[in-house]
Amino acid sequence: MTDTNSSTGAERRARSRAALRTGALALSALALAATTACGGGGTSSESGEVTELTYWSWTKGSAEAVEAFNKSHDDIQVNFEEIPSGVDGGYSKISDAMKAGNGPDVFNAEYVALPSFVAAGNVADITEKVDEDTLKGYDEQAVELATLGDKLWAVPYDVGVQTMFYRKDLFQKYGIEVPKTWDDFAAAARKVAKEQPGVKLANLTVDDPANLEAMTQQAGAQWFSTSGDTWKLGFNDEATQKVEKYWQGLADDKALSTAASWSTGFNAEASKGKVLTMLLASWQAAYQADTFPDHSGKWGVAPMPSWDGQPASGVFGGSTYAVSKEAADVDAAVEFSTWMTSNEDAITPRMGDGTSSAYVVNKDAREVAKKSFKADYYGDLDVYGIFEESASGLQPVTFGPTMLSMNKTLGDELKKFGHGGTLAEAIAAAEASAQREMSGQGLNVEAQD
C-alpha cells in the first residue's frame, strides 16, 4: 500500500510510472497482436491535399471546438458526430463500427475504457507521433494513464480527481470540522446520525463502481497488475479490505443515507439538507451549481479525506482522444487530438462558458479552464487550487482490459449494498467477472489471495 505520508511527490510519481508500465505489458502484447493482424492507419497526406477526418464524441462543446479547428486549418477538416455516453451507448456504437470497418478516425475514451479498445486492436499506437516536448505540456500522471506497455495510445484531456463537496452552513450549524482523514469523517458521520435525526453526513457513496474503485485506489489498491505474461487480480488486497470494512461498517451502523448515488432521491435529500456531503470528483463542481442553483454560497469544496491526512486521490473519471487504427491519416488525427486538448479555442467551448469544471491536464489549457470556471457559486473560492492539491496525490492505477464488462457486474451487485447485500460480495463478483472475461480473451489470469 502506498505510504503518502513518508514519500515525496517525485517518489510517488516514480512508483506510478513503474506500476503503470509493468501492469500494462500483457495488455500491450495482446493489443500489438490485434493491431498487427488488422493493419494500421495511414500517414500524413501529400502537400496541397485536404485530409478529412471523422470524430465521434458525447462531450459538451465538441461541435463548437471542431468548428474552430476547421476554421484554423486548411489542410485538415473534421466531421463531428455526436454519440451517446456510456457503455451501452457510445462505446457500443464505436465497437460495432470498428468491427464493421467504418469507425471514426478519432473518438473520446475514458481512462477506464481505453484498455478495452487497445486490447481489441481498435486504437493506433501514437508513441512516435507525439514528440517529447509536446508531452511535457501535459501532467505526467495523465500521460501515464494513456500509456500501456511503454506505448502511448491516446492524448489525455482531463482527469477526475477526488473532491469533497460539503454544506458549509450546516457543518457550522452542527459543529462539524471539515474532515481531513477517514477516521475524522467516520466520527463525524456517527455524530450526525446520532444527534441529528433524519440527517446523514453522506450517502452510501461506494454503491457506484467508479467511486468504489477510486476509493480503493486512493488507499493504494491495485486490482490489476502483471507478472511476466500473467495478469494478477488483487481485489482482496489489504487496501481494498480496508475500504470495504470502512464503508460496510458505516452502513451497518446506519450512519449513511441509503439513497442511491445519482438518484433523484439522493439529490432531493441533498437539496433539503438531509445529506451534508457529496464525495465525488472535480467535474462535480459545475454540476453542483447546476443541480442546486438555490444553494449558492452554501457548498464548500475540500480535498477528499485520506487515510493519513495527506493529499491522495484515485482516478474518478477523465477522458482521452484516441486515434483509430484505421484512421485515414494518423498524423492528422494526432494533430487534431493535441489541438483539441491544448488550444484555447478548443478548451473555451469545452468549458461551456464556465459551466464545466473539468480538470484539464494540459498545463496551458488548464489556465484557460481556471479563468473560464465560474467560481462565484462557491464564494470565489480557489476551486482549481483545491483540485491541484488533490491531483498532487494522484495514486498509481492500472485498469484491466475488461473494465467495461466488469463494471456492469459490479454495478448490479452494488445495488444490493445497504439493502441486504454486502460490499465484500460485490467485490468478489467483480473479481469473478474480470477473471472470466479475461480468460475468455485468451489471457493468463491468476487471482491473488
Protein backbone atom coordinates (compact mmCIF):
# COMPACT_ATOMS: atom_id res chain seq x y z
CA MET A 1 0.00 0.00 0.00
CA THR A 2 1.33 3.44 -0.92
CA ASP A 3 2.53 5.44 2.09
CA THR A 4 1.94 9.03 1.04
CA ASN A 5 3.00 10.33 4.43
CA SER A 6 6.60 9.13 4.08
CA SER A 7 7.10 9.54 0.33
CA THR A 8 7.81 12.61 -1.72
CA GLY A 9 5.67 13.50 -4.71
CA ALA A 10 8.56 12.54 -7.02
CA GLU A 11 8.85 9.11 -5.39
CA ARG A 12 5.11 8.51 -5.74
CA ARG A 13 5.25 9.53 -9.40
CA ALA A 14 8.19 7.18 -9.97
CA ARG A 15 6.24 4.31 -8.44
CA SER A 16 3.28 5.32 -10.55
CA ARG A 17 5.33 5.08 -13.75
CA ALA A 18 6.70 1.66 -12.77
CA ALA A 19 3.30 0.30 -11.76
CA LEU A 20 1.53 1.53 -14.85
CA ARG A 21 4.18 0.28 -17.25
CA THR A 22 4.58 -3.10 -15.59
CA GLY A 23 0.86 -3.57 -15.25
CA ALA A 24 0.23 -2.97 -18.94
CA LEU A 25 2.70 -5.36 -20.57
CA ALA A 26 0.29 -8.24 -21.07
CA LEU A 27 -2.37 -5.87 -22.38
CA SER A 28 0.13 -4.27 -24.75
CA ALA A 29 1.15 -7.66 -26.13
CA LEU A 30 -2.48 -8.51 -26.82
CA ALA A 31 -3.04 -5.12 -28.46
CA LEU A 32 0.02 -5.43 -30.66
CA ALA A 33 -1.14 -8.83 -31.86
CA ALA A 34 -4.56 -7.40 -32.69
CA THR A 35 -3.23 -4.34 -34.48
CA THR A 36 -0.71 -6.39 -36.44
CA ALA A 37 -3.47 -8.69 -37.60
CA CYS A 38 -5.77 -5.83 -38.55
CA GLY A 39 -3.29 -3.46 -40.16
CA GLY A 40 -2.61 0.17 -39.33
CA GLY A 41 -3.75 3.65 -40.21
CA GLY A 42 -2.37 5.91 -42.90
CA THR A 43 0.26 8.59 -42.74
CA SER A 44 0.02 12.26 -43.47
CA SER A 45 -1.36 13.32 -46.84
CA GLU A 46 0.67 14.92 -49.60
CA SER A 47 1.09 18.68 -49.60
CA GLY A 48 -1.87 20.53 -51.02
CA GLU A 49 -4.41 17.84 -50.29
CA VAL A 50 -7.13 18.22 -47.69
CA THR A 51 -7.40 15.37 -45.18
CA GLU A 52 -10.90 14.63 -43.93
CA LEU A 53 -11.36 13.05 -40.52
CA THR A 54 -14.36 11.88 -38.53
CA TYR A 55 -14.60 12.48 -34.79
CA TRP A 56 -17.20 10.92 -32.50
CA SER A 57 -17.90 12.22 -29.01
CA TRP A 58 -20.58 12.78 -26.39
CA THR A 59 -18.72 15.68 -24.76
CA LYS A 60 -20.24 19.12 -24.37
CA GLY A 61 -18.81 21.85 -26.58
CA SER A 62 -17.15 19.45 -29.01
CA ALA A 63 -19.12 20.66 -32.03
CA GLU A 64 -18.03 24.25 -31.43
CA ALA A 65 -14.42 23.18 -30.84
CA VAL A 66 -14.39 21.23 -34.12
CA GLU A 67 -15.79 24.25 -35.93
CA ALA A 68 -12.94 26.36 -34.53
CA PHE A 69 -10.40 23.74 -35.61
CA ASN A 70 -11.76 23.64 -39.16
CA LYS A 71 -11.61 27.42 -39.44
CA SER A 72 -7.97 27.43 -38.38
CA HIS A 73 -6.82 24.55 -40.62
CA ASP A 74 -6.88 24.43 -44.40
CA ASP A 75 -5.24 21.03 -44.74
CA ILE A 76 -7.36 19.07 -42.22
CA GLN A 77 -11.14 19.14 -41.96
CA VAL A 78 -13.04 17.23 -39.29
CA ASN A 79 -16.60 15.94 -39.46
CA PHE A 80 -18.13 15.72 -35.99
CA GLU A 81 -20.79 13.22 -34.95
CA GLU A 82 -22.38 13.33 -31.52
CA ILE A 83 -22.91 9.96 -29.87
CA PRO A 84 -24.48 8.91 -26.55
CA SER A 85 -22.30 8.50 -23.49
CA GLY A 86 -21.76 5.29 -21.57
CA VAL A 87 -21.07 1.62 -22.11
CA ASP A 88 -24.37 0.78 -23.76
CA GLY A 89 -24.43 3.97 -25.79
CA GLY A 90 -21.39 5.46 -27.44
CA TYR A 91 -18.89 2.75 -26.59
CA SER A 92 -21.09 0.04 -28.08
CA LYS A 93 -21.58 2.17 -31.18
CA ILE A 94 -17.82 2.68 -31.55
CA SER A 95 -17.05 -1.01 -31.03
CA ASP A 96 -19.68 -2.11 -33.54
CA ALA A 97 -18.45 0.43 -36.11
CA MET A 98 -14.84 -0.69 -35.63
CA LYS A 99 -15.83 -4.31 -36.25
CA ALA A 100 -17.68 -3.26 -39.41
CA GLY A 101 -14.70 -1.26 -40.64
CA ASN A 102 -16.45 2.12 -40.60
CA GLY A 103 -15.45 3.54 -37.23
CA PRO A 104 -14.36 7.13 -36.55
CA ASP A 105 -10.81 8.37 -37.04
CA VAL A 106 -10.79 9.91 -33.57
CA PHE A 107 -13.02 9.23 -30.57
CA ASN A 108 -13.11 10.01 -26.88
CA ALA A 109 -12.36 7.18 -24.48
CA GLU A 110 -12.32 7.42 -20.71
CA TYR A 111 -9.24 6.01 -18.98
CA VAL A 112 -11.30 3.11 -17.68
CA ALA A 113 -12.42 2.26 -21.24
CA LEU A 114 -9.16 2.83 -23.12
CA PRO A 115 -7.59 -0.57 -22.28
CA SER A 116 -10.62 -2.38 -23.68
CA PHE A 117 -10.25 -0.59 -27.02
CA VAL A 118 -6.49 -1.19 -27.02
CA ALA A 119 -6.95 -4.88 -26.29
CA ALA A 120 -9.46 -5.16 -29.13
CA GLY A 121 -6.94 -3.67 -31.55
CA ASN A 122 -9.09 -0.61 -32.21
CA VAL A 123 -6.51 2.05 -31.34
CA ALA A 124 -3.37 3.24 -33.10
CA ASP A 125 -0.06 3.35 -31.27
CA ILE A 126 0.84 7.06 -31.39
CA THR A 127 4.10 6.85 -29.42
CA GLU A 128 6.20 8.10 -32.34
CA LYS A 129 3.59 10.65 -33.41
CA VAL A 130 3.71 12.88 -30.32
CA ASP A 131 7.08 14.45 -29.63
CA GLU A 132 8.56 14.66 -26.14
CA ASP A 133 8.31 18.45 -25.94
CA THR A 134 4.58 18.26 -26.65
CA LEU A 135 4.07 15.62 -23.95
CA LYS A 136 5.88 17.80 -21.41
CA GLY A 137 2.94 20.17 -21.65
CA TYR A 138 0.67 17.54 -20.07
CA ASP A 139 0.56 16.32 -16.47
CA GLU A 140 2.81 13.31 -16.18
CA GLN A 141 0.23 11.23 -14.31
CA ALA A 142 -2.32 11.69 -17.09
CA VAL A 143 0.17 10.72 -19.79
CA GLU A 144 0.92 7.55 -17.82
CA LEU A 145 -2.81 6.73 -17.71
CA ALA A 146 -2.84 6.82 -21.53
CA THR A 147 0.38 4.79 -21.72
CA LEU A 148 0.17 0.99 -21.79
CA GLY A 149 3.27 -1.16 -22.09
CA ASP A 150 5.51 1.88 -22.73
CA LYS A 151 3.37 2.86 -25.71
CA LEU A 152 1.16 5.94 -25.91
CA TRP A 153 -2.35 5.06 -27.09
CA ALA A 154 -4.21 8.36 -26.67
CA VAL A 155 -3.84 12.06 -25.90
CA PRO A 156 -5.23 12.84 -22.43
CA TYR A 157 -7.75 15.64 -21.98
CA ASP A 158 -8.77 15.67 -18.32
CA VAL A 159 -8.73 13.58 -15.16
CA GLY A 160 -11.32 13.36 -12.41
CA VAL A 161 -9.56 13.97 -9.08
CA GLN A 162 -11.46 13.03 -5.95
CA THR A 163 -13.07 16.01 -4.24
CA MET A 164 -15.40 16.51 -1.29
CA PHE A 165 -18.35 18.91 -1.54
CA TYR A 166 -19.93 19.83 1.78
CA ARG A 167 -22.64 22.11 3.16
CA LYS A 168 -20.66 24.88 4.85
CA ASP A 169 -23.68 26.35 6.56
CA LEU A 170 -24.82 23.06 8.05
CA PHE A 171 -21.33 21.99 9.06
CA GLN A 172 -21.16 25.19 11.08
CA LYS A 173 -24.67 24.70 12.49
CA TYR A 174 -23.93 21.15 13.65
CA GLY A 175 -20.40 21.87 14.88
CA ILE A 176 -18.60 19.70 12.32
CA GLU A 177 -14.99 20.32 11.35
CA VAL A 178 -14.08 19.62 7.73
CA PRO A 179 -12.57 16.10 7.99
CA LYS A 180 -9.04 15.57 6.71
CA THR A 181 -8.83 11.86 7.48
CA TRP A 182 -11.27 8.99 7.05
CA ASP A 183 -11.22 8.47 10.82
CA ASP A 184 -12.38 12.08 11.23
CA PHE A 185 -15.07 11.50 8.61
CA ALA A 186 -16.37 8.34 10.32
CA ALA A 187 -16.53 10.10 13.69
CA ALA A 188 -18.46 13.00 12.15
CA ALA A 189 -20.81 10.61 10.32
CA ARG A 190 -21.70 8.78 13.52
CA LYS A 191 -22.06 12.07 15.43
CA VAL A 192 -24.50 13.48 12.87
CA ALA A 193 -26.53 10.27 12.69
CA LYS A 194 -26.83 10.19 16.49
CA GLU A 195 -27.51 13.86 17.18
CA GLN A 196 -29.48 14.99 14.10
CA PRO A 197 -32.44 12.69 13.37
CA GLY A 198 -33.07 12.30 9.66
CA VAL A 199 -29.71 13.84 8.70
CA LYS A 200 -26.67 11.95 7.43
CA LEU A 201 -23.16 13.11 6.62
CA ALA A 202 -23.12 11.13 3.36
CA ASN A 203 -24.99 8.54 1.36
CA LEU A 204 -23.67 5.03 0.67
CA THR A 205 -21.19 6.64 -1.79
CA VAL A 206 -19.40 3.43 -2.84
CA ASP A 207 -22.59 1.98 -4.35
CA ASP A 208 -21.22 3.38 -7.64
CA PRO A 209 -18.47 1.27 -9.31
CA ALA A 210 -16.31 4.24 -10.32
CA ASN A 211 -16.49 5.74 -6.84
CA LEU A 212 -15.65 2.44 -5.15
CA GLU A 213 -12.70 1.92 -7.48
CA ALA A 214 -11.42 5.46 -6.84
CA MET A 215 -11.73 4.92 -3.07
CA THR A 216 -9.71 1.71 -3.23
CA GLN A 217 -7.12 3.32 -5.49
CA GLN A 218 -6.79 6.22 -3.06
CA ALA A 219 -5.98 3.67 -0.34
CA GLY A 220 -3.29 2.10 -2.55
CA ALA A 221 -5.17 -0.82 -4.08
CA GLN A 222 -4.09 -2.37 -7.35
CA TRP A 223 -6.87 -4.58 -8.67
CA PHE A 224 -4.89 -5.31 -11.86
CA SER A 225 -1.17 -5.97 -12.26
CA THR A 226 1.04 -8.39 -14.17
CA SER A 227 3.88 -10.80 -13.57
CA GLY A 228 5.50 -11.89 -16.81
CA ASP A 229 2.67 -12.75 -19.18
CA THR A 230 0.16 -13.36 -16.38
CA TRP A 231 -2.42 -10.90 -15.14
CA LYS A 232 -2.72 -10.75 -11.35
CA LEU A 233 -6.06 -9.82 -9.81
CA GLY A 234 -5.74 -8.11 -6.42
CA PHE A 235 -9.36 -7.49 -5.46
CA ASN A 236 -8.71 -8.87 -1.97
CA ASP A 237 -5.63 -6.82 -1.13
CA GLU A 238 -5.11 -5.02 2.16
CA ALA A 239 -6.16 -1.62 0.81
CA THR A 240 -9.40 -2.95 -0.69
CA GLN A 241 -10.26 -4.74 2.55
CA LYS A 242 -9.68 -1.52 4.49
CA VAL A 243 -12.06 0.43 2.25
CA GLU A 244 -14.64 -2.38 2.21
CA LYS A 245 -14.71 -2.71 6.01
CA TYR A 246 -14.81 1.06 6.49
CA TRP A 247 -17.87 1.70 4.32
CA GLN A 248 -19.59 -1.53 5.36
CA GLY A 249 -19.16 -0.51 8.98
CA LEU A 250 -20.73 2.91 8.42
CA ALA A 251 -23.63 1.32 6.53
CA ASP A 252 -24.17 -1.33 9.23
CA ASP A 253 -24.20 1.40 11.88
CA LYS A 254 -26.85 3.24 9.85
CA ALA A 255 -24.59 6.27 9.69
CA LEU A 256 -25.21 6.72 5.96
CA SER A 257 -28.23 7.61 3.88
CA THR A 258 -29.36 4.66 1.78
CA ALA A 259 -30.38 6.92 -1.11
CA ALA A 260 -28.65 5.56 -4.20
CA SER A 261 -25.94 7.62 -5.83
CA TRP A 262 -27.10 9.52 -8.93
CA SER A 263 -30.75 9.04 -7.96
CA THR A 264 -33.38 11.75 -7.73
CA GLY A 265 -33.88 10.65 -4.13
CA PHE A 266 -30.27 11.43 -3.30
CA ASN A 267 -30.46 14.86 -4.93
CA ALA A 268 -33.70 15.54 -3.06
CA GLU A 269 -32.08 14.70 0.28
CA ALA A 270 -29.07 16.87 -0.51
CA SER A 271 -31.36 19.71 -1.58
CA LYS A 272 -33.21 19.53 1.74
CA GLY A 273 -30.02 19.42 3.80
CA LYS A 274 -30.58 15.79 4.79
CA VAL A 275 -27.23 14.73 3.29
CA LEU A 276 -24.33 17.05 4.06
CA THR A 277 -21.60 15.92 1.67
CA MET A 278 -21.07 14.64 -1.84
CA LEU A 279 -17.88 12.61 -2.22
CA LEU A 280 -17.24 12.84 -5.92
CA ALA A 281 -14.65 14.45 -8.20
CA SER A 282 -13.53 17.71 -9.78
CA TRP A 283 -16.14 17.53 -12.55
CA GLN A 284 -18.91 17.79 -9.93
CA ALA A 285 -18.14 21.44 -9.11
CA ALA A 286 -20.04 22.68 -12.16
CA TYR A 287 -22.83 20.12 -11.85
CA GLN A 288 -23.33 21.15 -8.22
CA ALA A 289 -24.14 24.69 -9.26
CA ASP A 290 -26.47 23.42 -11.98
CA THR A 291 -28.23 20.86 -9.76
CA PHE A 292 -28.65 23.10 -6.71
CA PRO A 293 -28.86 26.66 -8.06
CA ASP A 294 -30.55 27.94 -4.89
CA HIS A 295 -27.59 26.83 -2.77
CA SER A 296 -25.11 29.43 -3.98
CA GLY A 297 -22.63 30.16 -1.20
CA LYS A 298 -23.73 27.17 0.88
CA TRP A 299 -21.45 24.48 -0.55
CA GLY A 300 -17.77 24.27 0.23
CA VAL A 301 -15.08 22.32 -1.60
CA ALA A 302 -12.23 20.41 0.02
CA PRO A 303 -9.74 17.67 -0.81
CA MET A 304 -11.12 14.19 -0.26
CA PRO A 305 -10.31 12.86 3.22
CA SER A 306 -7.42 10.39 3.14
CA TRP A 307 -6.11 7.69 5.41
CA ASP A 308 -3.18 9.77 6.68
CA GLY A 309 -4.41 13.31 6.10
CA GLN A 310 -2.07 13.88 3.14
CA PRO A 311 -3.36 14.67 -0.38
CA ALA A 312 -4.40 11.46 -2.12
CA SER A 313 -6.75 10.73 -4.98
CA GLY A 314 -7.86 7.82 -7.08
CA VAL A 315 -8.86 8.25 -10.70
CA PHE A 316 -12.56 9.11 -10.79
CA GLY A 317 -13.26 9.78 -14.45
CA GLY A 318 -11.38 11.60 -17.14
CA SER A 319 -11.10 11.13 -20.87
CA THR A 320 -8.68 10.93 -23.77
CA TYR A 321 -8.62 11.42 -27.53
CA ALA A 322 -7.89 8.03 -29.11
CA VAL A 323 -6.93 7.56 -32.76
CA SER A 324 -8.39 4.61 -34.60
CA LYS A 325 -6.01 2.04 -36.05
CA GLU A 326 -7.91 2.53 -39.32
CA ALA A 327 -7.63 6.33 -39.26
CA ALA A 328 -7.42 7.87 -42.73
CA ASP A 329 -4.33 9.80 -41.61
CA VAL A 330 -2.80 9.07 -38.21
CA ASP A 331 -0.59 12.17 -38.24
CA ALA A 332 -3.55 14.43 -38.97
CA ALA A 333 -5.62 12.68 -36.31
CA VAL A 334 -2.89 13.21 -33.72
CA GLU A 335 -2.57 16.87 -34.73
CA PHE A 336 -6.30 17.27 -34.23
CA SER A 337 -6.18 15.47 -30.87
CA THR A 338 -3.36 17.57 -29.47
CA TRP A 339 -5.06 20.77 -30.68
CA MET A 340 -8.33 19.74 -29.01
CA THR A 341 -6.60 19.12 -25.70
CA SER A 342 -4.36 22.18 -25.62
CA ASN A 343 -5.62 25.07 -27.75
CA GLU A 344 -7.58 27.88 -26.12
CA ASP A 345 -10.10 27.87 -28.98
CA ALA A 346 -10.88 24.24 -28.16
CA ILE A 347 -10.86 24.50 -24.38
CA THR A 348 -13.14 27.53 -24.21
CA PRO A 349 -16.20 25.88 -25.81
CA ARG A 350 -15.47 22.62 -23.98
CA MET A 351 -15.66 24.57 -20.72
CA GLY A 352 -19.14 25.74 -21.70
CA ASP A 353 -18.74 29.40 -20.81
CA GLY A 354 -17.68 28.49 -17.29
CA THR A 355 -20.26 25.74 -16.77
CA SER A 356 -17.68 22.92 -16.80
CA SER A 357 -15.13 22.20 -14.09
CA ALA A 358 -13.01 19.67 -15.98
CA TYR A 359 -9.52 19.30 -14.54
CA VAL A 360 -7.76 19.69 -17.88
CA VAL A 361 -4.33 18.03 -17.89
CA ASN A 362 -2.54 20.20 -20.46
CA LYS A 363 -0.96 22.83 -18.25
CA ASP A 364 -1.55 25.84 -20.53
CA ALA A 365 -5.09 24.69 -21.26
CA ARG A 366 -5.78 24.34 -17.55
CA GLU A 367 -5.12 28.04 -17.13
CA VAL A 368 -7.87 28.66 -19.68
CA ALA A 369 -10.17 26.33 -17.75
CA LYS A 370 -9.42 28.11 -14.47
CA LYS A 371 -10.26 31.50 -15.91
CA SER A 372 -13.39 30.19 -17.56
CA PHE A 373 -14.87 28.46 -14.50
CA LYS A 374 -17.49 30.49 -12.67
CA ALA A 375 -16.40 30.24 -9.03
CA ASP A 376 -18.92 32.74 -7.66
CA TYR A 377 -21.22 29.84 -6.64
CA TYR A 378 -18.52 28.92 -4.12
CA GLY A 379 -17.86 32.46 -2.96
CA ASP A 380 -14.91 32.89 -5.30
CA LEU A 381 -13.08 30.00 -3.61
CA ASP A 382 -9.97 28.85 -5.49
CA VAL A 383 -11.64 25.64 -6.59
CA TYR A 384 -8.97 24.72 -9.10
CA GLY A 385 -6.33 25.20 -6.43
CA ILE A 386 -8.09 22.51 -4.41
CA PHE A 387 -8.18 20.26 -7.46
CA GLU A 388 -4.44 20.76 -7.92
CA GLU A 389 -3.80 19.86 -4.28
CA SER A 390 -5.76 16.63 -4.74
CA ALA A 391 -4.05 15.89 -8.06
CA SER A 392 -0.64 16.15 -6.39
CA GLY A 393 -1.51 12.90 -4.62
CA LEU A 394 -2.94 11.05 -7.61
CA GLN A 395 -2.24 7.38 -6.95
CA PRO A 396 -0.91 4.86 -9.48
CA VAL A 397 -3.51 2.65 -11.13
CA THR A 398 -3.61 0.08 -13.90
CA PHE A 399 -7.00 -0.53 -15.47
CA GLY A 400 -7.66 -4.01 -16.81
CA PRO A 401 -8.77 -4.87 -20.36
CA THR A 402 -12.31 -5.86 -19.35
CA MET A 403 -13.24 -2.90 -17.14
CA LEU A 404 -16.44 -2.06 -19.02
CA SER A 405 -18.00 -5.51 -18.71
CA MET A 406 -16.68 -5.96 -15.17
CA ASN A 407 -18.24 -2.68 -14.07
CA LYS A 408 -21.62 -3.85 -15.34
CA THR A 409 -21.42 -6.79 -12.95
CA LEU A 410 -20.06 -4.64 -10.14
CA GLY A 411 -22.80 -2.05 -10.64
CA ASP A 412 -25.54 -4.67 -10.47
CA GLU A 413 -24.11 -6.11 -7.26
CA LEU A 414 -23.60 -2.71 -5.64
CA LYS A 415 -27.32 -2.00 -5.95
CA LYS A 416 -27.72 -4.51 -3.12
CA PHE A 417 -25.26 -2.71 -0.82
CA GLY A 418 -27.15 -1.22 2.10
CA HIS A 419 -30.19 -3.27 1.17
CA GLY A 420 -29.17 -6.73 2.33
CA GLY A 421 -26.08 -7.19 0.18
CA THR A 422 -22.50 -6.51 1.24
CA LEU A 423 -19.55 -4.75 -0.34
CA ALA A 424 -17.46 -7.90 0.02
CA GLU A 425 -19.96 -9.84 -2.08
CA ALA A 426 -19.99 -7.15 -4.77
CA ILE A 427 -16.19 -7.01 -4.96
CA ALA A 428 -15.96 -10.80 -5.15
CA ALA A 429 -18.46 -10.82 -8.02
CA ALA A 430 -16.41 -8.17 -9.85
CA GLU A 431 -13.25 -10.25 -9.49
CA ALA A 432 -15.02 -13.35 -10.78
CA SER A 433 -16.29 -11.35 -13.76
CA ALA A 434 -12.83 -9.99 -14.53
CA GLN A 435 -11.25 -13.43 -14.34
CA ARG A 436 -13.93 -14.98 -16.54
CA GLU A 437 -13.82 -12.26 -19.19
CA MET A 438 -10.03 -12.04 -19.33
CA SER A 439 -9.67 -15.82 -19.57
CA GLY A 440 -12.19 -15.72 -22.40
CA GLN A 441 -9.83 -13.35 -24.25
CA GLY A 442 -7.04 -15.89 -24.00
CA LEU A 443 -5.15 -14.06 -21.26
CA ASN A 444 -3.37 -15.84 -18.41
CA VAL A 445 -5.15 -14.74 -15.24
CA GLU A 446 -4.46 -15.51 -11.60
CA ALA A 447 -6.46 -14.29 -8.62
CA GLN A 448 -4.34 -13.39 -5.61
CA ASP A 449 -5.40 -14.37 -2.10
